[in-house]
Amino acid sequence: MLIKHSLMGAAVALALSAGSALAAVSADEAAKLGTTLTPFGAEKAGNADGSIPAWTGGITQPPAGYKGSGQHHVDPFSEDKPLFTITKANLDQYKDKLSAGQIALFNSYPESFQMPVYQSRRSGSAPQWVYDNTLKNATTAKLIEGGNGFADAYGGIPFPIPKDGVEALWNHIVRYRGTYITRRSAEVAVQRNGAYSPVVSEVEALFRYYNPKGSYADLDNILFYYLNFTKSPARLAGGAALVHETLDQVKEPRQAWAYAAGQRRVRRAPNLAYDTPISASEGLRTADDTDMFNGAPDRYEWKLLGKRELYIPYNNYKIAGEGVKYEDLLQVGHINPALTRNELHRVWVVEGTLKSGSRHVYSKRTLYLDEDSWQAAVVDQYDGRGELWRVSIAYLKNYYDLPTTWSAMEAFHDLQSRRYHVQNLDSEEPTTAVFDKPEPEDSEFTPSALRRRGTR
């Protein structure tokens, strides 16, 4: 914004760039939500040639055959067939609708990496109370100083009509994923030769920001609690971790504790933030890579580059279907393309460039956020030389038992080492994510509770 002949206009522009209270949109602009825009701020209309359809509410009820929470999801689009498949041979035809990272995967694995493309189905949906809160947030939410959090928003997308990159980034960080979730799943680091060893854990997350009975005032700077109990392999079994995820992590860094089963001791886990390598990923994922991006945004200058059409993983029910064997899914270099589904969708493009004087292994990161859910579908990350280094891919689907659009699993590719890491594998487990268990008290997410619940 630049109003050359108005001192007040200049002041407004400065206030907006600083993330002040003026970041909220007007009531007239917010009125577009649910009319020309979806309740989350996406364009309701399809694109010009109809390859992206209009949003008509998404999935509003589970498909036939789905029996209830925890069951592996029935594919509501199982009869769909690929429209075409992108390969290295025809890559030039589709480059304009692929990210630099996706193109790099074709070039790295020209004989095997493919993207089957299906009919685009805008299946994204969320509960009405989340839509209602999002509408309220649109006219009240504001970034706090430095963009290190926000105020006066709760229980919905804080900035459904974003004005800058930091607002769009926060929409991803606090997107809706239920209130209380439990899940047993595996993560693997796949080596150059395809070898891997699963680490199986049971996790619990209590998203305090989405407590229907709460409010922003109740947060006390805690967005959610997270517990992880390692079940296998034997050398790691019994270990556990607890995280208190703070909103403003510059003011109050996230707090984390680790439980050592052999010693039956709980210790504070330091520095679990920014580019700290995650041990279970064998260094293929940083702390803030998790969930495609999380934590404090303060080390980067974030720009909102607008929207573009991109082929992204969407409605990936087959990839996480009950009984899919990890050995069939995990191939050398990448996930088995035959089990994936990609669709053309509009995405917000958010670019983060490392600030002068700040330290991080990534000099730049580009996030592609699904317009219907604010979930990051693809993230491209660059090293200190400005070379593309890592590519993160989230295989999205609608968890229609909630409902919400979230990743079925996430893959983190290292283009230099030619290895990759996968989270949230659960097709060999008896259940998938469960959202309807009674919500525990905050007291169940304390260091003393961690020790009490820990096992040898």
Protein backbone atom coordinates (compact mmCIF):
# COMPACT_ATOMS: atom_id res chain seq x y z
CA MET A 1 0.00 0.00 0.00
CA LEU A 2 1.41 3.40 -0.96
CA ILE A 3 -0.58 6.66 -0.83
CA LYS A 4 1.90 9.30 -1.94
CA HIS A 5 0.01 12.42 -0.95
CA SER A 6 -1.41 11.41 2.42
CA LEU A 7 0.52 11.25 5.65
CA MET A 8 -2.31 9.26 7.14
CA GLY A 9 -2.17 6.82 4.24
CA ALA A 10 1.54 6.32 4.78
CA ALA A 11 0.94 5.69 8.45
CA VAL A 12 -1.70 3.10 7.64
CA ALA A 13 0.68 1.33 5.27
CA LEU A 14 3.38 1.30 7.92
CA ALA A 15 0.95 -0.05 10.51
CA LEU A 16 -0.17 -2.85 8.21
CA SER A 17 3.39 -3.90 7.41
CA ALA A 18 4.17 -4.03 11.12
CA GLY A 19 1.20 -6.26 11.83
CA SER A 20 -0.74 -3.86 14.03
CA ALA A 21 -4.35 -3.89 15.12
CA LEU A 22 -5.30 -2.48 11.69
CA ALA A 23 -4.58 -5.91 10.17
CA ALA A 24 -8.23 -6.96 10.65
CA VAL A 25 -10.45 -6.52 7.58
CA SER A 26 -13.59 -4.41 7.40
CA ALA A 27 -17.05 -5.81 7.98
CA ASP A 28 -17.85 -5.27 4.29
CA GLU A 29 -14.82 -7.26 3.22
CA ALA A 30 -15.55 -10.00 5.76
CA ALA A 31 -19.07 -10.27 4.32
CA LYS A 32 -17.52 -11.96 1.27
CA LEU A 33 -16.90 -15.03 3.45
CA GLY A 34 -19.63 -17.54 2.65
CA THR A 35 -20.74 -15.57 -0.44
CA THR A 36 -18.11 -15.03 -3.15
CA LEU A 37 -15.52 -16.61 -0.86
CA THR A 38 -15.75 -19.86 1.07
CA PRO A 39 -15.98 -19.63 4.87
CA PHE A 40 -12.17 -20.06 4.97
CA GLY A 41 -11.52 -17.33 2.40
CA ALA A 42 -10.95 -19.37 -0.77
CA GLU A 43 -12.46 -18.38 -4.11
CA LYS A 44 -15.83 -20.11 -4.26
CA ALA A 45 -15.92 -20.14 -8.05
CA GLY A 46 -14.00 -22.57 -10.19
CA ASN A 47 -11.34 -21.53 -12.67
CA ALA A 48 -11.94 -20.31 -16.22
CA ASP A 49 -11.67 -23.66 -18.02
CA GLY A 50 -13.50 -25.67 -15.36
CA SER A 51 -10.52 -27.85 -14.45
CA ILE A 52 -10.94 -26.55 -10.89
CA PRO A 53 -14.61 -26.76 -9.92
CA ALA A 54 -16.60 -24.43 -7.71
CA TRP A 55 -16.64 -25.18 -3.98
CA THR A 56 -20.11 -26.34 -2.94
CA GLY A 57 -19.48 -27.29 0.67
CA GLY A 58 -17.04 -30.17 0.35
CA ILE A 59 -17.68 -33.55 1.96
CA THR A 60 -20.56 -33.11 4.38
CA GLN A 61 -21.03 -36.72 5.49
CA PRO A 62 -19.00 -39.95 5.44
CA PRO A 63 -19.41 -42.23 2.42
CA ALA A 64 -21.26 -45.54 2.50
CA GLY A 65 -19.28 -48.26 4.22
CA TYR A 66 -17.59 -46.01 6.75
CA LYS A 67 -18.37 -47.35 10.24
CA GLY A 68 -16.97 -44.73 12.55
CA SER A 69 -14.08 -42.97 14.23
CA GLY A 70 -10.74 -44.72 14.03
CA GLN A 71 -11.63 -46.84 11.01
CA HIS A 72 -9.32 -46.40 8.04
CA HIS A 73 -11.15 -44.06 5.72
CA VAL A 74 -13.27 -45.39 2.89
CA ASP A 75 -12.35 -43.68 -0.39
CA PRO A 76 -15.39 -41.63 -1.51
CA PHE A 77 -13.83 -41.30 -4.98
CA SER A 78 -12.72 -44.89 -5.50
CA GLU A 79 -14.31 -45.05 -8.96
CA ASP A 80 -12.21 -42.15 -10.29
CA LYS A 81 -9.52 -42.97 -12.83
CA PRO A 82 -6.44 -40.83 -13.64
CA LEU A 83 -7.00 -38.20 -16.33
CA PHE A 84 -3.30 -38.38 -17.22
CA THR A 85 0.06 -39.01 -15.57
CA ILE A 86 2.92 -36.53 -15.43
CA THR A 87 6.29 -38.16 -16.09
CA LYS A 88 9.77 -36.96 -16.91
CA ALA A 89 8.96 -37.50 -20.59
CA ASN A 90 6.02 -35.03 -20.66
CA LEU A 91 7.19 -32.77 -17.83
CA ASP A 92 7.58 -29.66 -19.99
CA GLN A 93 3.86 -29.76 -20.76
CA TYR A 94 2.95 -29.28 -17.08
CA LYS A 95 5.86 -27.29 -15.60
CA ASP A 96 3.79 -24.14 -15.20
CA LYS A 97 1.61 -25.93 -12.64
CA LEU A 98 4.39 -27.57 -10.60
CA SER A 99 6.66 -26.21 -7.88
CA ALA A 100 10.43 -26.09 -8.28
CA GLY A 101 10.66 -28.93 -5.77
CA GLN A 102 8.22 -31.14 -7.64
CA ILE A 103 10.15 -30.55 -10.87
CA ALA A 104 13.38 -31.44 -9.05
CA LEU A 105 11.92 -34.80 -8.02
CA PHE A 106 11.20 -35.63 -11.66
CA ASN A 107 14.77 -34.71 -12.55
CA SER A 108 16.22 -36.66 -9.62
CA TYR A 109 14.24 -39.84 -10.33
CA PRO A 110 13.41 -39.63 -14.06
CA GLU A 111 12.67 -43.34 -14.43
CA SER A 112 10.35 -43.75 -11.45
CA PHE A 113 8.84 -40.51 -10.10
CA GLN A 114 5.38 -39.82 -11.53
CA MET A 115 2.26 -37.86 -10.62
CA PRO A 116 -1.08 -39.44 -11.57
CA VAL A 117 -3.56 -36.55 -11.97
CA TYR A 118 -7.25 -37.05 -11.22
CA GLN A 119 -10.41 -34.99 -11.51
CA SER A 120 -10.20 -32.07 -9.09
CA ARG A 121 -12.66 -32.42 -6.23
CA ARG A 122 -12.90 -29.61 -3.72
CA SER A 123 -13.71 -31.89 -0.82
CA GLY A 124 -12.52 -29.54 1.93
CA SER A 125 -14.95 -28.94 4.79
CA ALA A 126 -15.05 -28.06 8.48
CA PRO A 127 -17.67 -27.82 11.25
CA GLN A 128 -20.02 -24.84 11.18
CA TRP A 129 -18.75 -23.54 14.53
CA VAL A 130 -15.25 -23.26 13.06
CA TYR A 131 -16.67 -21.33 10.09
CA ASP A 132 -18.56 -19.05 12.49
CA ASN A 133 -15.42 -18.33 14.51
CA THR A 134 -13.46 -17.66 11.31
CA LEU A 135 -15.99 -15.02 10.31
CA LYS A 136 -15.61 -13.35 13.70
CA ASN A 137 -11.82 -13.53 13.50
CA ALA A 138 -11.76 -11.75 10.15
CA THR A 139 -12.74 -8.43 11.74
CA THR A 140 -10.91 -8.80 15.06
CA ALA A 141 -7.64 -10.70 14.55
CA LYS A 142 -4.39 -8.77 14.55
CA LEU A 143 -0.74 -9.74 14.49
CA ILE A 144 1.26 -9.01 17.60
CA GLU A 145 4.57 -7.17 17.43
CA GLY A 146 6.89 -8.63 14.84
CA GLY A 147 4.26 -11.08 13.61
CA ASN A 148 5.30 -13.56 16.31
CA GLY A 149 1.71 -14.44 17.09
CA PHE A 150 -1.73 -12.91 16.95
CA ALA A 151 -4.42 -11.59 19.25
CA ASP A 152 -8.22 -11.52 19.34
CA ALA A 153 -8.80 -14.66 17.28
CA TYR A 154 -9.92 -18.05 18.48
CA GLY A 155 -11.32 -21.37 17.29
CA GLY A 156 -11.01 -20.67 13.56
CA ILE A 157 -8.74 -19.41 10.82
CA PRO A 158 -7.41 -16.09 12.15
CA PHE A 159 -6.86 -14.30 8.80
CA PRO A 160 -9.21 -15.78 6.17
CA ILE A 161 -8.56 -12.74 3.95
CA PRO A 162 -4.79 -12.38 4.46
CA LYS A 163 -2.94 -9.19 3.68
CA ASP A 164 0.61 -10.47 3.98
CA GLY A 165 2.75 -13.57 4.22
CA VAL A 166 2.85 -13.78 8.01
CA GLU A 167 -0.94 -13.79 8.24
CA ALA A 168 -1.17 -16.58 5.65
CA LEU A 169 1.53 -18.53 7.50
CA TRP A 170 -0.40 -18.32 10.77
CA ASN A 171 -3.47 -19.65 8.98
CA HIS A 172 -1.49 -22.80 8.23
CA ILE A 173 0.02 -23.08 11.70
CA VAL A 174 -3.34 -22.93 13.50
CA ARG A 175 -5.55 -24.58 10.86
CA TYR A 176 -8.32 -26.81 12.19
CA ARG A 177 -7.39 -30.39 13.14
CA GLY A 178 -9.97 -31.12 15.80
CA THR A 179 -9.74 -30.55 19.53
CA TYR A 180 -8.31 -33.82 20.86
CA ILE A 181 -6.66 -36.45 18.68
CA THR A 182 -5.02 -39.80 19.39
CA ARG A 183 -3.15 -41.82 16.81
CA ARG A 184 -0.75 -44.76 16.51
CA SER A 185 1.55 -44.48 13.51
CA ALA A 186 5.06 -45.07 12.22
CA GLU A 187 7.78 -42.88 10.81
CA VAL A 188 10.67 -44.02 8.67
CA ALA A 189 13.88 -42.69 7.19
CA VAL A 190 14.25 -44.33 3.77
CA GLN A 191 17.86 -44.78 2.69
CA ARG A 192 19.29 -44.42 -0.83
CA ASN A 193 18.89 -48.16 -1.37
CA GLY A 194 15.31 -48.19 -0.07
CA ALA A 195 16.10 -49.69 3.34
CA TYR A 196 14.16 -48.42 6.35
CA SER A 197 13.31 -49.29 9.95
CA PRO A 198 9.92 -48.06 11.28
CA VAL A 199 9.65 -46.25 14.59
CA VAL A 200 6.11 -46.72 15.94
CA SER A 201 4.58 -44.24 18.38
CA GLU A 202 1.27 -43.39 19.99
CA VAL A 203 0.54 -39.68 20.07
CA GLU A 204 -1.99 -37.44 21.74
CA ALA A 205 -2.62 -33.77 20.95
CA LEU A 206 -4.96 -31.39 22.73
CA PHE A 207 -5.55 -28.29 20.60
CA ARG A 208 -6.51 -25.71 23.20
CA TYR A 209 -7.05 -23.10 20.47
CA TYR A 210 -9.98 -25.22 19.23
CA ASN A 211 -11.70 -25.91 22.53
CA PRO A 212 -15.34 -25.01 21.67
CA LYS A 213 -15.89 -23.88 25.27
CA GLY A 214 -12.80 -21.68 25.45
CA SER A 215 -11.71 -18.26 24.25
CA TYR A 216 -8.56 -16.42 23.29
CA ALA A 217 -8.24 -15.19 26.87
CA ASP A 218 -8.01 -18.80 28.09
CA LEU A 219 -5.01 -19.71 25.94
CA ASP A 220 -2.36 -18.25 28.25
CA ASN A 221 -0.01 -18.43 25.23
CA ILE A 222 -0.43 -22.24 24.89
CA LEU A 223 -1.80 -23.35 21.51
CA PHE A 224 -1.69 -27.10 22.15
CA TYR A 225 -0.21 -29.95 24.17
CA TYR A 226 1.47 -32.91 22.49
CA LEU A 227 2.47 -36.32 23.89
CA ASN A 228 4.45 -39.03 22.09
CA PHE A 229 5.00 -42.54 23.46
CA THR A 230 7.45 -44.70 21.48
CA LYS A 231 6.32 -48.35 21.12
CA SER A 232 8.99 -49.85 18.86
CA PRO A 233 11.72 -50.79 18.03
CA ALA A 234 12.76 -52.36 21.31
CA ARG A 235 15.81 -50.15 21.73
CA LEU A 236 13.57 -47.06 21.80
CA ALA A 237 10.39 -48.49 23.34
CA GLY A 238 9.18 -46.79 26.48
CA GLY A 239 10.61 -43.40 25.66
CA ALA A 240 8.20 -40.47 25.64
CA ALA A 241 8.10 -36.75 24.95
CA LEU A 242 5.85 -33.89 26.03
CA VAL A 243 5.54 -30.53 24.27
CA HIS A 244 3.77 -27.35 25.31
CA GLU A 245 3.39 -25.39 22.06
CA THR A 246 3.36 -21.67 22.71
CA LEU A 247 1.80 -19.04 20.47
CA ASP A 248 4.44 -16.32 20.83
CA GLN A 249 7.63 -18.38 20.87
CA VAL A 250 9.87 -15.33 20.93
CA LYS A 251 8.34 -14.22 24.20
CA GLU A 252 8.08 -17.78 25.58
CA PRO A 253 9.84 -20.60 23.66
CA ARG A 254 8.03 -23.91 23.36
CA GLN A 255 8.62 -26.15 26.33
CA ALA A 256 9.55 -29.80 25.87
CA TRP A 257 10.39 -32.70 28.15
CA ALA A 258 11.73 -36.19 27.45
CA TYR A 259 11.09 -39.35 29.47
CA ALA A 260 13.88 -41.97 29.64
CA ALA A 261 12.31 -45.36 30.30
CA GLY A 262 15.47 -46.99 31.64
CA GLN A 263 16.02 -44.27 34.23
CA ARG A 264 12.35 -43.44 34.78
CA ARG A 265 13.35 -39.78 34.69
CA VAL A 266 11.84 -36.76 32.99
CA ARG A 267 14.29 -34.17 31.73
CA ARG A 268 13.81 -30.85 30.04
CA ALA A 269 14.55 -31.09 26.32
CA PRO A 270 16.31 -27.90 25.17
CA ASN A 271 16.35 -26.19 21.77
CA LEU A 272 13.52 -28.13 20.13
CA ALA A 273 12.92 -25.36 17.61
CA TYR A 274 13.95 -23.82 14.32
CA ASP A 275 16.58 -25.95 12.52
CA THR A 276 17.28 -28.42 15.31
CA PRO A 277 17.57 -31.84 13.58
CA ILE A 278 14.92 -34.38 14.60
CA SER A 279 16.70 -37.57 15.63
CA ALA A 280 13.97 -39.98 14.49
CA SER A 281 14.30 -38.58 10.97
CA GLU A 282 18.07 -39.19 10.89
CA GLY A 283 18.57 -35.51 10.26
CA LEU A 284 16.21 -35.34 7.26
CA ARG A 285 13.74 -33.06 9.03
CA THR A 286 14.28 -29.97 11.15
CA ALA A 287 12.10 -29.11 14.12
CA ASP A 288 10.24 -26.46 12.12
CA ASP A 289 9.83 -28.76 9.09
CA THR A 290 7.44 -30.84 11.18
CA ASP A 291 3.83 -30.34 10.12
CA MET A 292 5.26 -28.72 6.94
CA PHE A 293 6.04 -25.62 9.01
CA ASN A 294 5.56 -24.86 12.68
CA GLY A 295 6.87 -22.60 15.40
CA ALA A 296 8.10 -19.03 15.41
CA PRO A 297 8.22 -17.18 12.06
CA ASP A 298 10.65 -14.53 13.31
CA ARG A 299 13.83 -15.58 11.47
CA TYR A 300 12.35 -14.98 8.01
CA GLU A 301 10.88 -12.13 6.00
CA TRP A 302 7.59 -13.53 4.72
CA LYS A 303 5.96 -12.41 1.49
CA LEU A 304 2.55 -13.31 0.13
CA LEU A 305 3.20 -13.86 -3.57
CA GLY A 306 -0.45 -14.38 -4.45
CA LYS A 307 -2.20 -17.47 -5.82
CA ARG A 308 -1.41 -19.92 -8.57
CA GLU A 309 -2.78 -23.21 -9.84
CA LEU A 310 -0.72 -26.22 -8.81
CA TYR A 311 -0.96 -29.99 -9.05
CA ILE A 312 -0.91 -31.11 -5.42
CA PRO A 313 -1.67 -34.35 -3.55
CA TYR A 314 -5.38 -34.32 -2.73
CA ASN A 315 -8.00 -36.84 -1.60
CA ASN A 316 -5.27 -39.39 -0.88
CA TYR A 317 -7.35 -42.23 0.55
CA LYS A 318 -5.65 -45.04 -1.37
CA ILE A 319 -2.21 -44.23 0.00
CA ALA A 320 -3.39 -44.68 3.59
CA GLY A 321 -5.92 -47.43 2.98
CA GLU A 322 -6.24 -50.27 5.44
CA GLY A 323 -3.76 -53.02 4.73
CA VAL A 324 -1.45 -51.09 2.41
CA LYS A 325 1.97 -52.56 3.14
CA TYR A 326 4.80 -50.18 3.90
CA GLU A 327 7.04 -52.25 1.64
CA ASP A 328 4.67 -51.53 -1.26
CA LEU A 329 4.43 -47.85 -0.41
CA LEU A 330 8.04 -46.93 0.30
CA GLN A 331 10.20 -47.08 -2.80
CA VAL A 332 13.73 -45.95 -3.56
CA GLY A 333 13.70 -42.14 -3.65
CA HIS A 334 10.00 -41.56 -3.13
CA ILE A 335 6.57 -42.94 -2.28
CA ASN A 336 5.01 -45.36 -4.79
CA PRO A 337 3.33 -43.05 -7.37
CA ALA A 338 0.65 -45.64 -8.20
CA LEU A 339 -0.83 -45.16 -4.72
CA THR A 340 -0.94 -41.37 -4.92
CA ARG A 341 -3.60 -38.99 -6.20
CA ASN A 342 -2.87 -35.46 -7.43
CA GLU A 343 -5.35 -32.78 -8.44
CA LEU A 344 -5.25 -29.23 -9.77
CA HIS A 345 -6.02 -26.73 -7.01
CA ARG A 346 -5.41 -23.08 -6.29
CA VAL A 347 -2.76 -22.43 -3.67
CA TRP A 348 -1.50 -19.40 -1.82
CA VAL A 349 2.25 -18.97 -2.36
CA VAL A 350 4.17 -17.77 0.70
CA GLU A 351 7.92 -17.13 0.49
CA GLY A 352 10.19 -16.81 3.51
CA THR A 353 13.69 -15.34 3.09
CA LEU A 354 16.17 -15.60 5.96
CA LYS A 355 16.66 -12.26 7.67
CA SER A 356 20.09 -10.67 7.71
CA GLY A 357 21.84 -11.72 10.90
CA SER A 358 19.51 -14.68 11.53
CA ARG A 359 20.69 -18.28 11.49
CA HIS A 360 18.98 -21.25 9.87
CA VAL A 361 20.04 -24.08 7.55
CA TYR A 362 17.41 -22.89 5.03
CA SER A 363 18.10 -19.57 3.33
CA LYS A 364 14.66 -19.58 1.73
CA ARG A 365 11.48 -21.63 1.94
CA THR A 366 8.44 -21.46 -0.31
CA LEU A 367 5.12 -22.78 0.97
CA TYR A 368 2.15 -23.68 -1.21
CA LEU A 369 -1.01 -23.50 0.92
CA ASP A 370 -4.23 -25.18 -0.24
CA GLU A 371 -6.76 -22.34 -0.50
CA ASP A 372 -9.63 -24.47 0.83
CA SER A 373 -7.96 -25.59 4.07
CA TRP A 374 -4.77 -23.51 4.59
CA GLN A 375 -2.85 -26.78 4.85
CA ALA A 376 0.62 -26.59 3.28
CA ALA A 377 0.66 -29.17 0.49
CA VAL A 378 4.21 -28.60 -0.81
CA VAL A 379 7.20 -26.76 0.67
CA ASP A 380 10.45 -26.06 -1.20
CA GLN A 381 13.53 -25.36 0.96
CA TYR A 382 16.86 -23.87 -0.16
CA ASP A 383 20.32 -24.20 1.35
CA GLY A 384 22.76 -21.42 2.25
CA ARG A 385 24.03 -21.24 -1.34
CA GLY A 386 20.50 -20.64 -2.60
CA GLU A 387 20.28 -24.13 -4.11
CA LEU A 388 17.09 -26.16 -3.82
CA TRP A 389 17.82 -28.72 -1.11
CA ARG A 390 14.69 -30.28 0.37
CA VAL A 391 11.10 -30.80 -0.74
CA SER A 392 8.26 -31.54 1.71
CA ILE A 393 5.02 -33.06 0.43
CA ALA A 394 1.77 -33.53 2.38
CA TYR A 395 -0.65 -36.11 0.99
CA LEU A 396 -3.96 -34.45 1.81
CA LYS A 397 -7.37 -35.97 2.40
CA ASN A 398 -10.60 -35.04 4.16
CA TYR A 399 -10.96 -36.67 7.56
CA TYR A 400 -14.70 -36.62 7.10
CA ASP A 401 -15.40 -38.02 10.55
CA LEU A 402 -14.38 -34.63 11.95
CA PRO A 403 -14.40 -33.10 9.22
CA THR A 404 -11.16 -31.40 8.21
CA THR A 405 -8.59 -31.48 5.43
CA TRP A 406 -5.24 -32.71 6.78
CA SER A 407 -2.36 -34.82 5.58
CA ALA A 408 -2.70 -38.60 5.47
CA MET A 409 1.09 -38.67 5.65
CA GLU A 410 4.01 -36.37 4.95
CA ALA A 411 7.25 -37.03 3.06
CA PHE A 412 10.43 -34.96 3.47
CA HIS A 413 12.84 -35.36 0.56
CA ASP A 414 16.56 -34.51 0.70
CA LEU A 415 17.63 -33.98 -2.92
CA GLN A 416 21.34 -34.00 -2.05
CA SER A 417 21.51 -37.20 -0.01
CA ARG A 418 18.71 -38.84 -2.06
CA ARG A 419 17.00 -40.03 1.11
CA TYR A 420 13.56 -39.18 2.46
CA HIS A 421 11.60 -39.33 5.69
CA VAL A 422 7.90 -40.21 6.06
CA GLN A 423 5.61 -39.46 9.02
CA ASN A 424 2.15 -40.75 9.98
CA LEU A 425 2.23 -44.17 8.35
CA ASP A 426 -0.67 -46.12 9.81
CA SER A 427 -2.07 -48.41 7.10
CA GLU A 428 -0.55 -51.41 8.88
CA GLU A 429 -2.04 -50.30 12.21
CA PRO A 430 -5.54 -51.46 13.25
CA THR A 431 -6.86 -47.87 13.41
CA THR A 432 -6.12 -44.40 12.13
CA ALA A 433 -6.61 -41.04 13.86
CA VAL A 434 -9.35 -40.90 16.50
CA PHE A 435 -11.02 -37.55 17.21
CA ASP A 436 -13.95 -38.39 19.48
CA LYS A 437 -12.35 -39.50 22.75
CA PRO A 438 -13.22 -37.41 25.83
CA GLU A 439 -10.93 -34.44 26.15
CA PRO A 440 -8.47 -34.78 29.05
CA GLU A 441 -7.67 -32.05 31.54
CA ASP A 442 -4.62 -29.86 31.08
CA SER A 443 -3.11 -31.66 34.09
CA GLU A 444 -2.64 -34.76 31.92
CA PHE A 445 0.00 -32.85 29.94
CA THR A 446 2.49 -32.00 32.66
CA PRO A 447 6.00 -33.37 33.36
CA SER A 448 4.72 -35.19 36.45
CA ALA A 449 1.93 -36.81 34.41
CA LEU A 450 4.52 -37.80 31.81
CA ARG A 451 6.55 -39.66 34.40
CA ARG A 452 3.41 -41.28 35.84
CA ARG A 453 2.32 -42.54 32.45
CA GLY A 454 5.78 -43.61 31.32
CA THR A 455 6.82 -47.26 31.23
CA ARG A 456 10.12 -49.09 31.39
